[in-house]
């Protein structure tokens, strides 16, 4: 269930006075929903429709949605996801189809990144049938349907910057240890039969996506291997210099 701390009557009254009559009624109805949150798709769909009715005709950025969220209590992200829900699934019949698929809200909004509805539904059915965790679904969406924006899940990737040789050297060691942890705890935990099941269970019509995923992963792994060889060569040269210096200035 959505975690929401409703605002006071005074806060809502202050926001409401600037709305038109129809918008005031939509705001009041939305406030009632926020005060009694549920975790079913019908609740989120109704929230999304009312948010759409409160959207300015010419919105300037997202400030209006932040102000609406502040006036009612939920996060701006919740309102944005609910409104996106109604854009992708505008009718009650659409919602009923999702309910028959036994899709919950978290799985649904994770799948919003898949633009093709047929592929989105195929992925959701597989997630439900195979009992995927939310994290497994999120990871699959990120890998099979990457956003055009750089970074995981469409978030801008954090740029690395050098803070001098010592800090950079320590950060390289930290990142390598993280990769080794992933390799030991995640990669090696997937057995041969699991990999075989990946190919066997992948939808025939989407095999191009699987092949692209395998190729792109192999390409980046090849780049990593090359970068590792270059970094190791540089480290070998630094270690040689340090050992020579130590020889010239032995500890006493």
C-alpha atoms as a PDB file:
ATOM      1  CA  UNK A   1       0.000   0.000   0.000  1.00  0.00           C
ATOM      2  CA  UNK A   2       1.209   3.503  -0.793  1.00  0.00           C
ATOM      3  CA  UNK A   3       2.806   5.225   2.203  1.00  0.00           C
ATOM      4  CA  UNK A   4       1.141   8.618   2.371  1.00  0.00           C
ATOM      5  CA  UNK A   5       0.936  11.228   5.105  1.00  0.00           C
ATOM      6  CA  UNK A   6      -2.113  13.368   4.247  1.00  0.00           C
ATOM      7  CA  UNK A   7      -1.808  17.124   4.639  1.00  0.00           C
ATOM      8  CA  UNK A   8      -3.935  19.331   6.854  1.00  0.00           C
ATOM      9  CA  UNK A   9      -7.238  20.958   5.880  1.00  0.00           C
ATOM     10  CA  UNK A  10      -5.598  24.385   5.917  1.00  0.00           C
ATOM     11  CA  UNK A  11      -2.945  23.319   3.413  1.00  0.00           C
ATOM     12  CA  UNK A  12      -5.555  21.856   1.106  1.00  0.00           C
ATOM     13  CA  UNK A  13      -7.863  24.842   1.456  1.00  0.00           C
ATOM     14  CA  UNK A  14      -5.041  27.191   0.479  1.00  0.00           C
ATOM     15  CA  UNK A  15      -4.304  25.211  -2.688  1.00  0.00           C
ATOM     16  CA  UNK A  16      -7.960  24.642  -3.547  1.00  0.00           C
ATOM     17  CA  UNK A  17      -8.954  28.315  -3.610  1.00  0.00           C
ATOM     18  CA  UNK A  18      -6.975  28.926  -6.786  1.00  0.00           C
ATOM     19  CA  UNK A  19      -8.746  26.153  -8.723  1.00  0.00           C
ATOM     20  CA  UNK A  20     -11.774  26.398 -10.979  1.00  0.00           C
ATOM     21  CA  UNK A  21     -15.050  24.792  -9.946  1.00  0.00           C
ATOM     22  CA  UNK A  22     -14.532  21.500 -11.859  1.00  0.00           C
ATOM     23  CA  UNK A  23     -10.943  21.324 -10.663  1.00  0.00           C
ATOM     24  CA  UNK A  24     -12.039  21.874  -7.067  1.00  0.00           C
ATOM     25  CA  UNK A  25     -14.347  18.883  -7.328  1.00  0.00           C
ATOM     26  CA  UNK A  26     -11.543  16.788  -8.820  1.00  0.00           C
ATOM     27  CA  UNK A  27      -9.192  17.979  -6.071  1.00  0.00           C
ATOM     28  CA  UNK A  28     -11.689  17.052  -3.349  1.00  0.00           C
ATOM     29  CA  UNK A  29     -12.214  13.609  -4.846  1.00  0.00           C
ATOM     30  CA  UNK A  30      -8.492  13.086  -5.166  1.00  0.00           C
ATOM     31  CA  UNK A  31      -8.057  14.155  -1.548  1.00  0.00           C
ATOM     32  CA  UNK A  32     -10.574  11.500  -0.458  1.00  0.00           C
ATOM     33  CA  UNK A  33      -8.602   8.846  -2.325  1.00  0.00           C
ATOM     34  CA  UNK A  34      -5.316  10.004  -0.806  1.00  0.00           C
ATOM     35  CA  UNK A  35      -6.859   9.848   2.678  1.00  0.00           C
ATOM     36  CA  UNK A  36      -7.856   6.207   2.087  1.00  0.00           C
ATOM     37  CA  UNK A  37      -4.980   4.706   0.092  1.00  0.00           C
ATOM     38  CA  UNK A  38      -5.252   1.229  -1.357  1.00  0.00           C
ATOM     39  CA  UNK A  39      -2.866  -0.964  -3.301  1.00  0.00           C
ATOM     40  CA  UNK A  40      -5.180  -2.170  -6.049  1.00  0.00           C
ATOM     41  CA  UNK A  41      -4.932  -1.053  -9.677  1.00  0.00           C
ATOM     42  CA  UNK A  42      -8.380   0.569  -9.666  1.00  0.00           C
ATOM     43  CA  UNK A  43      -7.261   2.990  -6.927  1.00  0.00           C
ATOM     44  CA  UNK A  44      -4.126   4.045  -8.824  1.00  0.00           C
ATOM     45  CA  UNK A  45      -6.095   4.375 -12.040  1.00  0.00           C
ATOM     46  CA  UNK A  46      -8.626   6.674 -10.410  1.00  0.00           C
ATOM     47  CA  UNK A  47      -5.820   8.745  -8.888  1.00  0.00           C
ATOM     48  CA  UNK A  48      -4.177   9.053 -12.297  1.00  0.00           C
ATOM     49  CA  UNK A  49      -7.380  10.207 -13.983  1.00  0.00           C
ATOM     50  CA  UNK A  50      -7.950  12.915 -11.377  1.00  0.00           C
ATOM     51  CA  UNK A  51      -4.343  14.087 -11.591  1.00  0.00           C
ATOM     52  CA  UNK A  52      -4.867  14.438 -15.333  1.00  0.00           C
ATOM     53  CA  UNK A  53      -7.907  16.615 -14.735  1.00  0.00           C
ATOM     54  CA  UNK A  54      -5.833  18.865 -12.450  1.00  0.00           C
ATOM     55  CA  UNK A  55      -2.996  19.233 -14.912  1.00  0.00           C
ATOM     56  CA  UNK A  56      -2.745  22.785 -16.323  1.00  0.00           C
ATOM     57  CA  UNK A  57      -3.591  23.195 -19.998  1.00  0.00           C
ATOM     58  CA  UNK A  58      -0.091  24.533 -20.591  1.00  0.00           C
ATOM     59  CA  UNK A  59       2.121  22.973 -17.910  1.00  0.00           C
ATOM     60  CA  UNK A  60       5.476  24.593 -17.438  1.00  0.00           C
ATOM     61  CA  UNK A  61       7.742  21.811 -16.303  1.00  0.00           C
ATOM     62  CA  UNK A  62       6.787  19.596 -13.378  1.00  0.00           C
ATOM     63  CA  UNK A  63       6.331  22.301 -10.748  1.00  0.00           C
ATOM     64  CA  UNK A  64       2.536  21.939 -10.908  1.00  0.00           C
ATOM     65  CA  UNK A  65       2.728  18.237  -9.984  1.00  0.00           C
ATOM     66  CA  UNK A  66       5.111  18.945  -7.120  1.00  0.00           C
ATOM     67  CA  UNK A  67       2.736  21.596  -5.768  1.00  0.00           C
ATOM     68  CA  UNK A  68      -0.201  19.207  -6.098  1.00  0.00           C
ATOM     69  CA  UNK A  69       1.723  16.533  -4.212  1.00  0.00           C
ATOM     70  CA  UNK A  70       2.656  19.005  -1.481  1.00  0.00           C
ATOM     71  CA  UNK A  71      -0.983  20.044  -1.142  1.00  0.00           C
ATOM     72  CA  UNK A  72      -2.221  16.476  -0.705  1.00  0.00           C
ATOM     73  CA  UNK A  73       0.586  14.443   0.832  1.00  0.00           C
ATOM     74  CA  UNK A  74       1.757  11.752  -1.628  1.00  0.00           C
ATOM     75  CA  UNK A  75       5.087  11.880  -3.415  1.00  0.00           C
ATOM     76  CA  UNK A  76       5.249  13.538  -6.840  1.00  0.00           C
ATOM     77  CA  UNK A  77       6.525  10.206  -8.168  1.00  0.00           C
ATOM     78  CA  UNK A  78       3.348   8.417  -7.112  1.00  0.00           C
ATOM     79  CA  UNK A  79       1.161  10.969  -8.890  1.00  0.00           C
ATOM     80  CA  UNK A  80       3.343  10.828 -12.003  1.00  0.00           C
ATOM     81  CA  UNK A  81       3.218   7.028 -12.147  1.00  0.00           C
ATOM     82  CA  UNK A  82      -0.549   7.004 -11.639  1.00  0.00           C
ATOM     83  CA  UNK A  83      -1.019   9.531 -14.439  1.00  0.00           C
ATOM     84  CA  UNK A  84       1.260   7.492 -16.710  1.00  0.00           C
ATOM     85  CA  UNK A  85      -0.917   4.473 -15.897  1.00  0.00           C
ATOM     86  CA  UNK A  86      -3.989   6.211 -17.313  1.00  0.00           C
ATOM     87  CA  UNK A  87      -2.079   7.288 -20.419  1.00  0.00           C
ATOM     88  CA  UNK A  88      -1.099   3.706 -21.195  1.00  0.00           C
ATOM     89  CA  UNK A  89      -4.395   2.172 -20.022  1.00  0.00           C
ATOM     90  CA  UNK A  90      -7.147   4.778 -20.436  1.00  0.00           C
ATOM     91  CA  UNK A  91     -10.227   2.591 -19.904  1.00  0.00           C
ATOM     92  CA  UNK A  92     -11.656   0.438 -17.122  1.00  0.00           C
ATOM     93  CA  UNK A  93     -11.557  -2.495 -19.557  1.00  0.00           C
ATOM     94  CA  UNK A  94      -7.783  -2.052 -19.798  1.00  0.00           C
ATOM     95  CA  UNK A  95      -7.480  -2.214 -16.019  1.00  0.00           C
ATOM     96  CA  UNK A  96      -9.640  -5.339 -15.874  1.00  0.00           C
ATOM     97  CA  UNK A  97      -7.337  -7.075 -18.341  1.00  0.00           C
ATOM     98  CA  UNK A  98      -4.369  -6.337 -16.069  1.00  0.00           C
ATOM     99  CA  UNK A  99      -6.313  -7.608 -13.078  1.00  0.00           C
ATOM    100  CA  UNK A 100      -7.006 -10.877 -14.903  1.00  0.00           C
ATOM    101  CA  UNK A 101      -3.265 -11.151 -15.497  1.00  0.00           C
ATOM    102  CA  UNK A 102      -2.806 -10.893 -11.701  1.00  0.00           C
ATOM    103  CA  UNK A 103      -0.430  -7.951 -12.103  1.00  0.00           C
ATOM    104  CA  UNK A 104       0.192  -5.849  -9.006  1.00  0.00           C
ATOM    105  CA  UNK A 105       0.983  -2.153  -8.971  1.00  0.00           C
ATOM    106  CA  UNK A 106       4.750  -2.431  -8.425  1.00  0.00           C
ATOM    107  CA  UNK A 107       5.260  -4.842 -11.295  1.00  0.00           C
ATOM    108  CA  UNK A 108       3.062  -2.724 -13.513  1.00  0.00           C
ATOM    109  CA  UNK A 109       4.906   0.565 -13.089  1.00  0.00           C
ATOM    110  CA  UNK A 110       8.277  -1.180 -13.462  1.00  0.00           C
ATOM    111  CA  UNK A 111       7.045  -2.366 -16.856  1.00  0.00           C
ATOM    112  CA  UNK A 112       6.109   1.142 -18.039  1.00  0.00           C
ATOM    113  CA  UNK A 113       9.591   1.407 -19.554  1.00  0.00           C
ATOM    114  CA  UNK A 114       8.557  -1.188 -22.166  1.00  0.00           C
ATOM    115  CA  UNK A 115       6.891   0.921 -24.848  1.00  0.00           C
ATOM    116  CA  UNK A 116       5.384  -1.970 -26.824  1.00  0.00           C
ATOM    117  CA  UNK A 117       2.255  -3.159 -25.010  1.00  0.00           C
ATOM    118  CA  UNK A 118       2.402  -6.688 -26.430  1.00  0.00           C
ATOM    119  CA  UNK A 119       5.962  -7.159 -25.225  1.00  0.00           C
ATOM    120  CA  UNK A 120       5.102  -5.478 -21.908  1.00  0.00           C
ATOM    121  CA  UNK A 121       2.245  -7.886 -21.275  1.00  0.00           C
ATOM    122  CA  UNK A 122       4.300 -10.922 -22.320  1.00  0.00           C
ATOM    123  CA  UNK A 123       6.966  -9.897 -19.823  1.00  0.00           C
ATOM    124  CA  UNK A 124       4.411  -9.303 -17.062  1.00  0.00           C
ATOM    125  CA  UNK A 125       2.773 -12.695 -17.653  1.00  0.00           C
ATOM    126  CA  UNK A 126       6.146 -14.389 -17.427  1.00  0.00           C
ATOM    127  CA  UNK A 127       6.987 -12.510 -14.236  1.00  0.00           C
ATOM    128  CA  UNK A 128       3.692 -13.596 -12.659  1.00  0.00           C
ATOM    129  CA  UNK A 129       3.866 -17.198 -13.868  1.00  0.00           C
ATOM    130  CA  UNK A 130       7.466 -17.690 -12.755  1.00  0.00           C
ATOM    131  CA  UNK A 131       7.126 -15.738  -9.501  1.00  0.00           C
ATOM    132  CA  UNK A 132       9.787 -13.164 -10.260  1.00  0.00           C
ATOM    133  CA  UNK A 133      10.765 -10.720  -7.574  1.00  0.00           C
ATOM    134  CA  UNK A 134      10.321  -7.023  -8.286  1.00  0.00           C
ATOM    135  CA  UNK A 135      14.090  -6.667  -8.532  1.00  0.00           C
ATOM    136  CA  UNK A 136      14.307  -9.466 -11.088  1.00  0.00           C
ATOM    137  CA  UNK A 137      11.633  -7.829 -13.216  1.00  0.00           C
ATOM    138  CA  UNK A 138      13.325  -4.422 -12.933  1.00  0.00           C
ATOM    139  CA  UNK A 139      16.678  -5.900 -13.968  1.00  0.00           C
ATOM    140  CA  UNK A 140      15.108  -7.723 -16.919  1.00  0.00           C
ATOM    141  CA  UNK A 141      13.391  -4.555 -18.124  1.00  0.00           C
ATOM    142  CA  UNK A 142      16.635  -2.605 -17.846  1.00  0.00           C
ATOM    143  CA  UNK A 143      18.576  -5.220 -19.807  1.00  0.00           C
ATOM    144  CA  UNK A 144      16.028  -6.087 -22.515  1.00  0.00           C
ATOM    145  CA  UNK A 145      14.505  -2.657 -22.981  1.00  0.00           C
ATOM    146  CA  UNK A 146      17.233  -0.123 -22.156  1.00  0.00           C
ATOM    147  CA  UNK A 147      16.329   3.518 -22.005  1.00  0.00           C
ATOM    148  CA  UNK A 148      17.900   5.956 -24.452  1.00  0.00           C
ATOM    149  CA  UNK A 149      19.129   7.852 -21.424  1.00  0.00           C
ATOM    150  CA  UNK A 150      22.412   6.684 -20.030  1.00  0.00           C
ATOM    151  CA  UNK A 151      22.318   4.852 -16.744  1.00  0.00           C
ATOM    152  CA  UNK A 152      20.238   2.170 -15.084  1.00  0.00           C
ATOM    153  CA  UNK A 153      16.507   2.446 -15.484  1.00  0.00           C
ATOM    154  CA  UNK A 154      16.765   5.707 -17.390  1.00  0.00           C
ATOM    155  CA  UNK A 155      18.521   7.608 -14.624  1.00  0.00           C
ATOM    156  CA  UNK A 156      21.504   9.670 -15.772  1.00  0.00           C
ATOM    157  CA  UNK A 157      24.662   7.732 -15.023  1.00  0.00           C
ATOM    158  CA  UNK A 158      26.957   9.320 -12.466  1.00  0.00           C
ATOM    159  CA  UNK A 159      30.057  10.644 -14.145  1.00  0.00           C
ATOM    160  CA  UNK A 160      33.397   9.664 -12.648  1.00  0.00           C
ATOM    161  CA  UNK A 161      36.004  12.334 -12.117  1.00  0.00           C
ATOM    162  CA  UNK A 162      39.631  11.969 -11.180  1.00  0.00           C
ATOM    163  CA  UNK A 163      40.723  13.338  -7.816  1.00  0.00           C
ATOM    164  CA  UNK A 164      44.388  12.578  -8.262  1.00  0.00           C
ATOM    165  CA  UNK A 165      46.320   9.337  -8.690  1.00  0.00           C
ATOM    166  CA  UNK A 166      45.964   7.969  -5.144  1.00  0.00           C
ATOM    167  CA  UNK A 167      42.181   8.413  -4.920  1.00  0.00           C
ATOM    168  CA  UNK A 168      41.753   7.048  -8.443  1.00  0.00           C
ATOM    169  CA  UNK A 169      43.884   4.023  -7.608  1.00  0.00           C
ATOM    170  CA  UNK A 170      41.843   3.277  -4.491  1.00  0.00           C
ATOM    171  CA  UNK A 171      38.582   3.724  -6.410  1.00  0.00           C
ATOM    172  CA  UNK A 172      39.777   1.286  -9.078  1.00  0.00           C
ATOM    173  CA  UNK A 173      40.421  -1.308  -6.371  1.00  0.00           C
ATOM    174  CA  UNK A 174      36.974  -0.691  -4.854  1.00  0.00           C
ATOM    175  CA  UNK A 175      35.191  -1.033  -8.189  1.00  0.00           C
ATOM    176  CA  UNK A 176      37.093  -4.226  -9.000  1.00  0.00           C
ATOM    177  CA  UNK A 177      36.145  -5.744  -5.647  1.00  0.00           C
ATOM    178  CA  UNK A 178      32.492  -4.898  -6.353  1.00  0.00           C
ATOM    179  CA  UNK A 179      32.710  -6.662  -9.699  1.00  0.00           C
ATOM    180  CA  UNK A 180      34.279  -9.712  -8.039  1.00  0.00           C
ATOM    181  CA  UNK A 181      31.489  -9.731  -5.442  1.00  0.00           C
ATOM    182  CA  UNK A 182      28.925  -9.656  -8.256  1.00  0.00           C
ATOM    183  CA  UNK A 183      30.726 -12.442 -10.105  1.00  0.00           C
ATOM    184  CA  UNK A 184      30.918 -14.635  -7.018  1.00  0.00           C
ATOM    185  CA  UNK A 185      27.483 -13.947  -5.547  1.00  0.00           C
ATOM    186  CA  UNK A 186      25.341 -13.457  -8.669  1.00  0.00           C
ATOM    187  CA  UNK A 187      27.023 -14.738 -11.813  1.00  0.00           C
ATOM    188  CA  UNK A 188      28.333 -17.996 -10.357  1.00  0.00           C
ATOM    189  CA  UNK A 189      25.010 -18.619  -8.613  1.00  0.00           C
ATOM    190  CA  UNK A 190      23.372 -19.069 -12.047  1.00  0.00           C
ATOM    191  CA  UNK A 191      23.883 -22.695 -13.067  1.00  0.00           C
ATOM    192  CA  UNK A 192      24.124 -24.248 -16.499  1.00  0.00           C
ATOM    193  CA  UNK A 193      20.519 -25.406 -16.428  1.00  0.00           C
ATOM    194  CA  UNK A 194      19.430 -21.835 -15.632  1.00  0.00           C
ATOM    195  CA  UNK A 195      21.248 -20.472 -18.688  1.00  0.00           C
ATOM    196  CA  UNK A 196      19.721 -23.220 -20.810  1.00  0.00           C
ATOM    197  CA  UNK A 197      16.312 -22.299 -19.414  1.00  0.00           C
ATOM    198  CA  UNK A 198      16.897 -18.670 -20.391  1.00  0.00           C
ATOM    199  CA  UNK A 199      17.138 -19.597 -24.057  1.00  0.00           C
ATOM    200  CA  UNK A 200      14.409 -22.235 -23.858  1.00  0.00           C
ATOM    201  CA  UNK A 201      11.920 -19.919 -22.139  1.00  0.00           C
ATOM    202  CA  UNK A 202      12.619 -16.794 -24.197  1.00  0.00           C
ATOM    203  CA  UNK A 203       9.694 -15.923 -26.520  1.00  0.00           C
ATOM    204  CA  UNK A 204      10.489 -17.017 -30.072  1.00  0.00           C
ATOM    205  CA  UNK A 205       9.324 -13.711 -31.486  1.00  0.00           C
ATOM    206  CA  UNK A 206      11.764 -11.814 -29.259  1.00  0.00           C
ATOM    207  CA  UNK A 207      14.918 -13.879 -29.925  1.00  0.00           C
ATOM    208  CA  UNK A 208      16.477 -10.865 -31.670  1.00  0.00           C
ATOM    209  CA  UNK A 209      16.346  -9.091 -28.301  1.00  0.00           C
ATOM    210  CA  UNK A 210      18.142 -11.987 -26.611  1.00  0.00           C
ATOM    211  CA  UNK A 211      20.823 -12.139 -29.291  1.00  0.00           C
ATOM    212  CA  UNK A 212      21.337  -8.382 -29.039  1.00  0.00           C
ATOM    213  CA  UNK A 213      21.644  -8.663 -25.257  1.00  0.00           C
ATOM    214  CA  UNK A 214      24.227 -11.456 -25.577  1.00  0.00           C
ATOM    215  CA  UNK A 215      26.211  -9.558 -28.189  1.00  0.00           C
ATOM    216  CA  UNK A 216      26.201  -6.252 -26.326  1.00  0.00           C
ATOM    217  CA  UNK A 217      27.182  -7.918 -23.050  1.00  0.00           C
ATOM    218  CA  UNK A 218      30.032  -9.789 -24.764  1.00  0.00           C
ATOM    219  CA  UNK A 219      31.224  -6.580 -26.417  1.00  0.00           C
ATOM    220  CA  UNK A 220      31.364  -4.633 -23.172  1.00  0.00           C
ATOM    221  CA  UNK A 221      33.041  -7.577 -21.408  1.00  0.00           C
ATOM    222  CA  UNK A 222      35.693  -7.605 -24.130  1.00  0.00           C
ATOM    223  CA  UNK A 223      36.252  -3.893 -23.551  1.00  0.00           C
ATOM    224  CA  UNK A 224      36.562  -4.510 -19.822  1.00  0.00           C
ATOM    225  CA  UNK A 225      39.143  -7.245 -20.437  1.00  0.00           C
ATOM    226  CA  UNK A 226      41.178  -4.889 -22.624  1.00  0.00           C
ATOM    227  CA  UNK A 227      40.943  -2.087 -20.064  1.00  0.00           C
ATOM    228  CA  UNK A 228      42.055  -4.522 -17.346  1.00  0.00           C
ATOM    229  CA  UNK A 229      45.136  -5.502 -19.345  1.00  0.00           C
ATOM    230  CA  UNK A 230      46.066  -1.847 -19.845  1.00  0.00           C
ATOM    231  CA  UNK A 231      45.486  -1.008 -16.168  1.00  0.00           C
ATOM    232  CA  UNK A 232      47.539  -3.997 -15.026  1.00  0.00           C
ATOM    233  CA  UNK A 233      50.407  -2.937 -17.295  1.00  0.00           C
ATOM    234  CA  UNK A 234      50.313   0.561 -15.806  1.00  0.00           C
ATOM    235  CA  UNK A 235      50.247  -0.857 -12.280  1.00  0.00           C
ATOM    236  CA  UNK A 236      53.212  -3.098 -13.063  1.00  0.00           C
ATOM    237  CA  UNK A 237      55.203  -0.054 -14.155  1.00  0.00           C
ATOM    238  CA  UNK A 238      54.239   1.875 -11.020  1.00  0.00           C
ATOM    239  CA  UNK A 239      55.104  -1.055  -8.802  1.00  0.00           C
ATOM    240  CA  UNK A 240      58.519  -1.324 -10.462  1.00  0.00           C
ATOM    241  CA  UNK A 241      59.191   2.358  -9.831  1.00  0.00           C
ATOM    242  CA  UNK A 242      58.099   2.062  -6.204  1.00  0.00           C
ATOM    243  CA  UNK A 243      60.347  -0.970  -5.676  1.00  0.00           C
ATOM    244  CA  UNK A 244      63.305   0.853  -7.235  1.00  0.00           C
ATOM    245  CA  UNK A 245      62.709   3.829  -4.970  1.00  0.00           C
ATOM    246  CA  UNK A 246      62.456   1.547  -1.983  1.00  0.00           C
ATOM    247  CA  UNK A 247      65.797   0.009  -2.972  1.00  0.00           C
ATOM    248  CA  UNK A 248      67.427   3.416  -3.085  1.00  0.00           C
ATOM    249  CA  UNK A 249      65.899   4.485   0.232  1.00  0.00           C
ATOM    250  CA  UNK A 250      65.617   1.341   2.375  1.00  0.00           C
ATOM    251  CA  UNK A 251      63.882   1.569   5.732  1.00  0.00           C
ATOM    252  CA  UNK A 252      66.143   1.863   8.739  1.00  0.00           C
END
